[in-house]
């Protein structure tokens, strides 16, 4: 089910949230 990141227990596997600024920083690489 969709991950909740920090809401999980300490040993649970969650995922980091996407930083919107990363989309802009990665756009040149996407074009390449």
ModelCIF file with pLDDT and N, C-alpha, C, O atoms, coordinates in Angstrom:
data_MODEL
#
_entry.id   MODEL 
#
_entity.id                         1 
_entity.type                       polymer 
_entity.pdbx_number_of_molecules   1 
#
_entity_poly.entity_id                      1 
_entity_poly.type                           'polypeptide(L)' 
_entity_poly.nstd_linkage                   no 
_entity_poly.nstd_monomer                   no 
_entity_poly.pdbx_seq_one_letter_code       
;(UNK)(UNK)(UNK)(UNK)(UNK)(UNK)(UNK)(UNK)(UNK)(UNK)(UNK)(UNK)(UNK)(UNK)(UNK)(UNK)
(UNK)(UNK)(UNK)(UNK)(UNK)(UNK)(UNK)(UNK)(UNK)(UNK)(UNK)(UNK)(UNK)(UNK)(UNK)(UNK)
;
_entity_poly.pdbx_seq_one_letter_code_can   XXXXXXXXXXXXXXXXXXXXXXXXXXXXXXXX 
_entity_poly.pdbx_strand_id                 A 
#
loop_
_entity_poly_seq.entity_id 
_entity_poly_seq.num 
_entity_poly_seq.mon_id 
_entity_poly_seq.hetero 
1 1  UNK n 
1 2  UNK n 
1 3  UNK n 
1 4  UNK n 
1 5  UNK n 
1 6  UNK n 
1 7  UNK n 
1 8  UNK n 
1 9  UNK n 
1 10 UNK n 
1 11 UNK n 
1 12 UNK n 
1 13 UNK n 
1 14 UNK n 
1 15 UNK n 
1 16 UNK n 
1 17 UNK n 
1 18 UNK n 
1 19 UNK n 
1 20 UNK n 
1 21 UNK n 
1 22 UNK n 
1 23 UNK n 
1 24 UNK n 
1 25 UNK n 
1 26 UNK n 
1 27 UNK n 
1 28 UNK n 
1 29 UNK n 
1 30 UNK n 
1 31 UNK n 
1 32 UNK n 
#
_struct_asym.id          A 
_struct_asym.entity_id   1 
#
loop_
_ma_qa_metric.id 
_ma_qa_metric.mode 
_ma_qa_metric.name 
_ma_qa_metric.software_group_id 
_ma_qa_metric.type 
1 global pLDDT . pLDDT 
2 local  pLDDT . pLDDT 
#
_ma_qa_metric_global.metric_id      1 
_ma_qa_metric_global.metric_value   56.31 
_ma_qa_metric_global.model_id       1 
_ma_qa_metric_global.ordinal_id     1 
#
loop_
_ma_qa_metric_local.label_asym_id 
_ma_qa_metric_local.label_comp_id 
_ma_qa_metric_local.label_seq_id 
_ma_qa_metric_local.metric_id 
_ma_qa_metric_local.metric_value 
_ma_qa_metric_local.model_id 
_ma_qa_metric_local.ordinal_id 
A UNK 1  2 37.00 1 1  
A UNK 2  2 37.00 1 2  
A UNK 3  2 37.00 1 3  
A UNK 4  2 33.00 1 4  
A UNK 5  2 34.00 1 5  
A UNK 6  2 33.00 1 6  
A UNK 7  2 34.00 1 7  
A UNK 8  2 35.00 1 8  
A UNK 9  2 38.00 1 9  
A UNK 10 2 40.00 1 10 
A UNK 11 2 44.00 1 11 
A UNK 12 2 44.00 1 12 
A UNK 13 2 45.00 1 13 
A UNK 14 2 44.00 1 14 
A UNK 15 2 44.00 1 15 
A UNK 16 2 44.00 1 16 
A UNK 17 2 46.00 1 17 
A UNK 18 2 54.00 1 18 
A UNK 19 2 60.00 1 19 
A UNK 20 2 66.00 1 20 
A UNK 21 2 71.00 1 21 
A UNK 22 2 70.00 1 22 
A UNK 23 2 72.00 1 23 
A UNK 24 2 76.00 1 24 
A UNK 25 2 77.00 1 25 
A UNK 26 2 79.00 1 26 
A UNK 27 2 83.00 1 27 
A UNK 28 2 84.00 1 28 
A UNK 29 2 83.00 1 29 
A UNK 30 2 84.00 1 30 
A UNK 31 2 87.00 1 31 
A UNK 32 2 87.00 1 32 
#
loop_
_atom_site.group_PDB 
_atom_site.id 
_atom_site.type_symbol 
_atom_site.label_atom_id 
_atom_site.label_alt_id 
_atom_site.label_comp_id 
_atom_site.label_asym_id 
_atom_site.label_entity_id 
_atom_site.label_seq_id 
_atom_site.pdbx_PDB_ins_code 
_atom_site.Cartn_x 
_atom_site.Cartn_y 
_atom_site.Cartn_z 
_atom_site.occupancy 
_atom_site.B_iso_or_equiv 
_atom_site.pdbx_formal_charge 
_atom_site.auth_seq_id 
_atom_site.auth_comp_id 
_atom_site.auth_asym_id 
_atom_site.auth_atom_id 
_atom_site.pdbx_PDB_model_num 
ATOM 1   N N  . UNK A 1 1  ? 0.862  -1.164 0.000   1.00 37.00 ? 1  UNK A N  1 
ATOM 2   C CA . UNK A 1 1  ? 0.000  0.000  0.000   1.00 37.00 ? 1  UNK A CA 1 
ATOM 3   C C  . UNK A 1 1  ? 0.899  1.213  0.000   1.00 37.00 ? 1  UNK A C  1 
ATOM 4   O O  . UNK A 1 1  ? 2.082  1.079  0.314   1.00 37.00 ? 1  UNK A O  1 
ATOM 5   N N  . UNK A 1 2  ? 0.406  2.381  -0.333  1.00 37.00 ? 2  UNK A N  1 
ATOM 6   C CA . UNK A 1 2  ? 1.297  3.534  -0.424  1.00 37.00 ? 2  UNK A CA 1 
ATOM 7   C C  . UNK A 1 2  ? 2.084  3.752  0.838   1.00 37.00 ? 2  UNK A C  1 
ATOM 8   O O  . UNK A 1 2  ? 1.547  3.696  1.944   1.00 37.00 ? 2  UNK A O  1 
ATOM 9   N N  . UNK A 1 3  ? 3.376  4.004  0.661   1.00 37.00 ? 3  UNK A N  1 
ATOM 10  C CA . UNK A 1 3  ? 4.258  4.172  1.814   1.00 37.00 ? 3  UNK A CA 1 
ATOM 11  C C  . UNK A 1 3  ? 3.958  5.467  2.526   1.00 37.00 ? 3  UNK A C  1 
ATOM 12  O O  . UNK A 1 3  ? 3.504  6.440  1.924   1.00 37.00 ? 3  UNK A O  1 
ATOM 13  N N  . UNK A 1 4  ? 4.225  5.464  3.853   1.00 33.00 ? 4  UNK A N  1 
ATOM 14  C CA . UNK A 1 4  ? 4.012  6.651  4.657   1.00 33.00 ? 4  UNK A CA 1 
ATOM 15  C C  . UNK A 1 4  ? 5.294  7.194  5.243   1.00 33.00 ? 4  UNK A C  1 
ATOM 16  O O  . UNK A 1 4  ? 5.279  8.125  6.049   1.00 33.00 ? 4  UNK A O  1 
ATOM 17  N N  . UNK A 1 5  ? 6.404  6.606  4.831   1.00 34.00 ? 5  UNK A N  1 
ATOM 18  C CA . UNK A 1 5  ? 7.686  7.129  5.277   1.00 34.00 ? 5  UNK A CA 1 
ATOM 19  C C  . UNK A 1 5  ? 7.848  7.064  6.756   1.00 34.00 ? 5  UNK A C  1 
ATOM 20  O O  . UNK A 1 5  ? 7.846  5.972  7.325   1.00 34.00 ? 5  UNK A O  1 
ATOM 21  N N  . UNK A 1 6  ? 7.989  8.186  7.407   1.00 33.00 ? 6  UNK A N  1 
ATOM 22  C CA . UNK A 1 6  ? 8.304  8.250  8.818   1.00 33.00 ? 6  UNK A CA 1 
ATOM 23  C C  . UNK A 1 6  ? 7.206  7.722  9.694   1.00 33.00 ? 6  UNK A C  1 
ATOM 24  O O  . UNK A 1 6  ? 7.431  7.515  10.886  1.00 33.00 ? 6  UNK A O  1 
ATOM 25  N N  . UNK A 1 7  ? 6.050  7.497  9.171   1.00 34.00 ? 7  UNK A N  1 
ATOM 26  C CA . UNK A 1 7  ? 4.968  6.992  9.993   1.00 34.00 ? 7  UNK A CA 1 
ATOM 27  C C  . UNK A 1 7  ? 5.152  5.539  10.332  1.00 34.00 ? 7  UNK A C  1 
ATOM 28  O O  . UNK A 1 7  ? 4.456  5.028  11.209  1.00 34.00 ? 7  UNK A O  1 
ATOM 29  N N  . UNK A 1 8  ? 6.050  4.858  9.684   1.00 35.00 ? 8  UNK A N  1 
ATOM 30  C CA . UNK A 1 8  ? 6.263  3.453  9.947   1.00 35.00 ? 8  UNK A CA 1 
ATOM 31  C C  . UNK A 1 8  ? 7.082  3.265  11.205  1.00 35.00 ? 8  UNK A C  1 
ATOM 32  O O  . UNK A 1 8  ? 7.694  4.202  11.716  1.00 35.00 ? 8  UNK A O  1 
ATOM 33  N N  . UNK A 1 9  ? 7.083  2.008  11.706  1.00 38.00 ? 9  UNK A N  1 
ATOM 34  C CA . UNK A 1 9  ? 7.873  1.687  12.876  1.00 38.00 ? 9  UNK A CA 1 
ATOM 35  C C  . UNK A 1 9  ? 9.331  1.810  12.528  1.00 38.00 ? 9  UNK A C  1 
ATOM 36  O O  . UNK A 1 9  ? 9.680  1.810  11.348  1.00 38.00 ? 9  UNK A O  1 
ATOM 37  N N  . UNK A 1 10 ? 10.224 1.919  13.548  1.00 40.00 ? 10 UNK A N  1 
ATOM 38  C CA . UNK A 1 10 ? 11.633 2.180  13.268  1.00 40.00 ? 10 UNK A CA 1 
ATOM 39  C C  . UNK A 1 10 ? 12.257 1.178  12.324  1.00 40.00 ? 10 UNK A C  1 
ATOM 40  O O  . UNK A 1 10 ? 13.091 1.546  11.497  1.00 40.00 ? 10 UNK A O  1 
ATOM 41  N N  . UNK A 1 11 ? 11.861 -0.116 12.430  1.00 44.00 ? 11 UNK A N  1 
ATOM 42  C CA . UNK A 1 11 ? 12.497 -1.100 11.569  1.00 44.00 ? 11 UNK A CA 1 
ATOM 43  C C  . UNK A 1 11 ? 11.740 -1.305 10.276  1.00 44.00 ? 11 UNK A C  1 
ATOM 44  O O  . UNK A 1 11 ? 12.160 -2.090 9.426   1.00 44.00 ? 11 UNK A O  1 
ATOM 45  N N  . UNK A 1 12 ? 10.627 -0.608 10.120  1.00 44.00 ? 12 UNK A N  1 
ATOM 46  C CA . UNK A 1 12 ? 9.847  -0.748 8.904   1.00 44.00 ? 12 UNK A CA 1 
ATOM 47  C C  . UNK A 1 12 ? 10.528 -0.040 7.747   1.00 44.00 ? 12 UNK A C  1 
ATOM 48  O O  . UNK A 1 12 ? 11.236 0.952  7.922   1.00 44.00 ? 12 UNK A O  1 
ATOM 49  N N  . UNK A 1 13 ? 10.294 -0.577 6.569   1.00 45.00 ? 13 UNK A N  1 
ATOM 50  C CA . UNK A 1 13 ? 10.855 0.035  5.379   1.00 45.00 ? 13 UNK A CA 1 
ATOM 51  C C  . UNK A 1 13 ? 9.893  1.085  4.872   1.00 45.00 ? 13 UNK A C  1 
ATOM 52  O O  . UNK A 1 13 ? 8.761  0.771  4.503   1.00 45.00 ? 13 UNK A O  1 
ATOM 53  N N  . UNK A 1 14 ? 10.323 2.293  4.851   1.00 44.00 ? 14 UNK A N  1 
ATOM 54  C CA . UNK A 1 14 ? 9.543  3.374  4.274   1.00 44.00 ? 14 UNK A CA 1 
ATOM 55  C C  . UNK A 1 14 ? 10.333 3.989  3.146   1.00 44.00 ? 14 UNK A C  1 
ATOM 56  O O  . UNK A 1 14 ? 11.404 3.490  2.801   1.00 44.00 ? 14 UNK A O  1 
ATOM 57  N N  . UNK A 1 15 ? 9.848  5.025  2.583   1.00 44.00 ? 15 UNK A N  1 
ATOM 58  C CA . UNK A 1 15 ? 10.567 5.685  1.511   1.00 44.00 ? 15 UNK A CA 1 
ATOM 59  C C  . UNK A 1 15 ? 10.622 7.168  1.736   1.00 44.00 ? 15 UNK A C  1 
ATOM 60  O O  . UNK A 1 15 ? 9.726  7.749  2.347   1.00 44.00 ? 15 UNK A O  1 
ATOM 61  N N  . UNK A 1 16 ? 11.688 7.791  1.236   1.00 44.00 ? 16 UNK A N  1 
ATOM 62  C CA . UNK A 1 16 ? 11.790 9.234  1.368   1.00 44.00 ? 16 UNK A CA 1 
ATOM 63  C C  . UNK A 1 16 ? 10.813 9.943  0.451   1.00 44.00 ? 16 UNK A C  1 
ATOM 64  O O  . UNK A 1 16 ? 10.503 9.445  -0.631  1.00 44.00 ? 16 UNK A O  1 
ATOM 65  N N  . UNK A 1 17 ? 10.334 11.080 0.864   1.00 46.00 ? 17 UNK A N  1 
ATOM 66  C CA . UNK A 1 17 ? 9.430  11.859 0.037   1.00 46.00 ? 17 UNK A CA 1 
ATOM 67  C C  . UNK A 1 17 ? 10.210 12.519 -1.092  1.00 46.00 ? 17 UNK A C  1 
ATOM 68  O O  . UNK A 1 17 ? 11.405 12.789 -0.972  1.00 46.00 ? 17 UNK A O  1 
ATOM 69  N N  . UNK A 1 18 ? 9.511  12.770 -2.181  1.00 54.00 ? 18 UNK A N  1 
ATOM 70  C CA . UNK A 1 18 ? 10.145 13.388 -3.344  1.00 54.00 ? 18 UNK A CA 1 
ATOM 71  C C  . UNK A 1 18 ? 10.237 14.894 -3.138  1.00 54.00 ? 18 UNK A C  1 
ATOM 72  O O  . UNK A 1 18 ? 9.237  15.561 -2.870  1.00 54.00 ? 18 UNK A O  1 
ATOM 73  N N  . UNK A 1 19 ? 11.440 15.412 -3.265  1.00 60.00 ? 19 UNK A N  1 
ATOM 74  C CA . UNK A 1 19 ? 11.650 16.849 -3.182  1.00 60.00 ? 19 UNK A CA 1 
ATOM 75  C C  . UNK A 1 19 ? 11.303 17.458 -4.546  1.00 60.00 ? 19 UNK A C  1 
ATOM 76  O O  . UNK A 1 19 ? 11.951 17.128 -5.539  1.00 60.00 ? 19 UNK A O  1 
ATOM 77  N N  . UNK A 1 20 ? 10.295 18.337 -4.619  1.00 66.00 ? 20 UNK A N  1 
ATOM 78  C CA . UNK A 1 20 ? 9.915  18.917 -5.919  1.00 66.00 ? 20 UNK A CA 1 
ATOM 79  C C  . UNK A 1 20 ? 11.081 19.612 -6.624  1.00 66.00 ? 20 UNK A C  1 
ATOM 80  O O  . UNK A 1 20 ? 11.133 19.654 -7.854  1.00 66.00 ? 20 UNK A O  1 
ATOM 81  N N  . UNK A 1 21 ? 12.017 20.158 -5.838  1.00 71.00 ? 21 UNK A N  1 
ATOM 82  C CA . UNK A 1 21 ? 13.163 20.817 -6.458  1.00 71.00 ? 21 UNK A CA 1 
ATOM 83  C C  . UNK A 1 21 ? 14.024 19.827 -7.234  1.00 71.00 ? 21 UNK A C  1 
ATOM 84  O O  . UNK A 1 21 ? 14.739 20.200 -8.163  1.00 71.00 ? 21 UNK A O  1 
ATOM 85  N N  . UNK A 1 22 ? 13.942 18.552 -6.835  1.00 70.00 ? 22 UNK A N  1 
ATOM 86  C CA . UNK A 1 22 ? 14.728 17.536 -7.542  1.00 70.00 ? 22 UNK A CA 1 
ATOM 87  C C  . UNK A 1 22 ? 14.235 17.381 -8.979  1.00 70.00 ? 22 UNK A C  1 
ATOM 88  O O  . UNK A 1 22 ? 15.014 17.045 -9.871  1.00 70.00 ? 22 UNK A O  1 
ATOM 89  N N  . UNK A 1 23 ? 12.939 17.626 -9.207  1.00 72.00 ? 23 UNK A N  1 
ATOM 90  C CA . UNK A 1 23 ? 12.403 17.549 -10.565 1.00 72.00 ? 23 UNK A CA 1 
ATOM 91  C C  . UNK A 1 23 ? 13.076 18.576 -11.466 1.00 72.00 ? 23 UNK A C  1 
ATOM 92  O O  . UNK A 1 23 ? 13.431 18.279 -12.606 1.00 72.00 ? 23 UNK A O  1 
ATOM 93  N N  . UNK A 1 24 ? 13.246 19.787 -10.942 1.00 76.00 ? 24 UNK A N  1 
ATOM 94  C CA . UNK A 1 24 ? 13.894 20.835 -11.735 1.00 76.00 ? 24 UNK A CA 1 
ATOM 95  C C  . UNK A 1 24 ? 15.368 20.528 -11.955 1.00 76.00 ? 24 UNK A C  1 
ATOM 96  O O  . UNK A 1 24 ? 15.895 20.706 -13.053 1.00 76.00 ? 24 UNK A O  1 
ATOM 97  N N  . UNK A 1 25 ? 16.035 20.060 -10.885 1.00 77.00 ? 25 UNK A N  1 
ATOM 98  C CA . UNK A 1 25 ? 17.470 19.765 -11.024 1.00 77.00 ? 25 UNK A CA 1 
ATOM 99  C C  . UNK A 1 25 ? 17.717 18.620 -11.998 1.00 77.00 ? 25 UNK A C  1 
ATOM 100 O O  . UNK A 1 25 ? 18.769 18.557 -12.634 1.00 77.00 ? 25 UNK A O  1 
ATOM 101 N N  . UNK A 1 26 ? 16.749 17.719 -12.115 1.00 79.00 ? 26 UNK A N  1 
ATOM 102 C CA . UNK A 1 26 ? 16.943 16.536 -12.967 1.00 79.00 ? 26 UNK A CA 1 
ATOM 103 C C  . UNK A 1 26 ? 16.482 16.756 -14.395 1.00 79.00 ? 26 UNK A C  1 
ATOM 104 O O  . UNK A 1 26 ? 16.732 15.913 -15.257 1.00 79.00 ? 26 UNK A O  1 
ATOM 105 N N  . UNK A 1 27 ? 15.811 17.875 -14.668 1.00 83.00 ? 27 UNK A N  1 
ATOM 106 C CA . UNK A 1 27 ? 15.297 18.121 -16.023 1.00 83.00 ? 27 UNK A CA 1 
ATOM 107 C C  . UNK A 1 27 ? 16.404 18.137 -17.083 1.00 83.00 ? 27 UNK A C  1 
ATOM 108 O O  . UNK A 1 27 ? 16.221 17.528 -18.138 1.00 83.00 ? 27 UNK A O  1 
ATOM 109 N N  . UNK A 1 28 ? 17.546 18.804 -16.856 1.00 84.00 ? 28 UNK A N  1 
ATOM 110 C CA . UNK A 1 28 ? 18.611 18.741 -17.880 1.00 84.00 ? 28 UNK A CA 1 
ATOM 111 C C  . UNK A 1 28 ? 19.066 17.310 -18.176 1.00 84.00 ? 28 UNK A C  1 
ATOM 112 O O  . UNK A 1 28 ? 19.314 16.961 -19.330 1.00 84.00 ? 28 UNK A O  1 
ATOM 113 N N  . UNK A 1 29 ? 19.176 16.488 -17.134 1.00 83.00 ? 29 UNK A N  1 
ATOM 114 C CA . UNK A 1 29 ? 19.555 15.088 -17.367 1.00 83.00 ? 29 UNK A CA 1 
ATOM 115 C C  . UNK A 1 29 ? 18.481 14.366 -18.168 1.00 83.00 ? 29 UNK A C  1 
ATOM 116 O O  . UNK A 1 29 ? 18.795 13.545 -19.030 1.00 83.00 ? 29 UNK A O  1 
ATOM 117 N N  . UNK A 1 30 ? 17.207 14.670 -17.887 1.00 84.00 ? 30 UNK A N  1 
ATOM 118 C CA . UNK A 1 30 ? 16.121 14.043 -18.631 1.00 84.00 ? 30 UNK A CA 1 
ATOM 119 C C  . UNK A 1 30 ? 16.187 14.402 -20.108 1.00 84.00 ? 30 UNK A C  1 
ATOM 120 O O  . UNK A 1 30 ? 15.921 13.560 -20.965 1.00 84.00 ? 30 UNK A O  1 
ATOM 121 N N  . UNK A 1 31 ? 16.540 15.646 -20.408 1.00 87.00 ? 31 UNK A N  1 
ATOM 122 C CA . UNK A 1 31 ? 16.657 16.065 -21.805 1.00 87.00 ? 31 UNK A CA 1 
ATOM 123 C C  . UNK A 1 31 ? 17.841 15.387 -22.486 1.00 87.00 ? 31 UNK A C  1 
ATOM 124 O O  . UNK A 1 31 ? 17.770 15.027 -23.661 1.00 87.00 ? 31 UNK A O  1 
ATOM 125 N N  . UNK A 1 32 ? 18.936 15.214 -21.734 1.00 87.00 ? 32 UNK A N  1 
ATOM 126 C CA . UNK A 1 32 ? 20.102 14.534 -22.320 1.00 87.00 ? 32 UNK A CA 1 
ATOM 127 C C  . UNK A 1 32 ? 19.789 13.077 -22.652 1.00 87.00 ? 32 UNK A C  1 
ATOM 128 O O  . UNK A 1 32 ? 20.654 12.357 -23.151 1.00 87.00 ? 32 UNK A O  1 
#
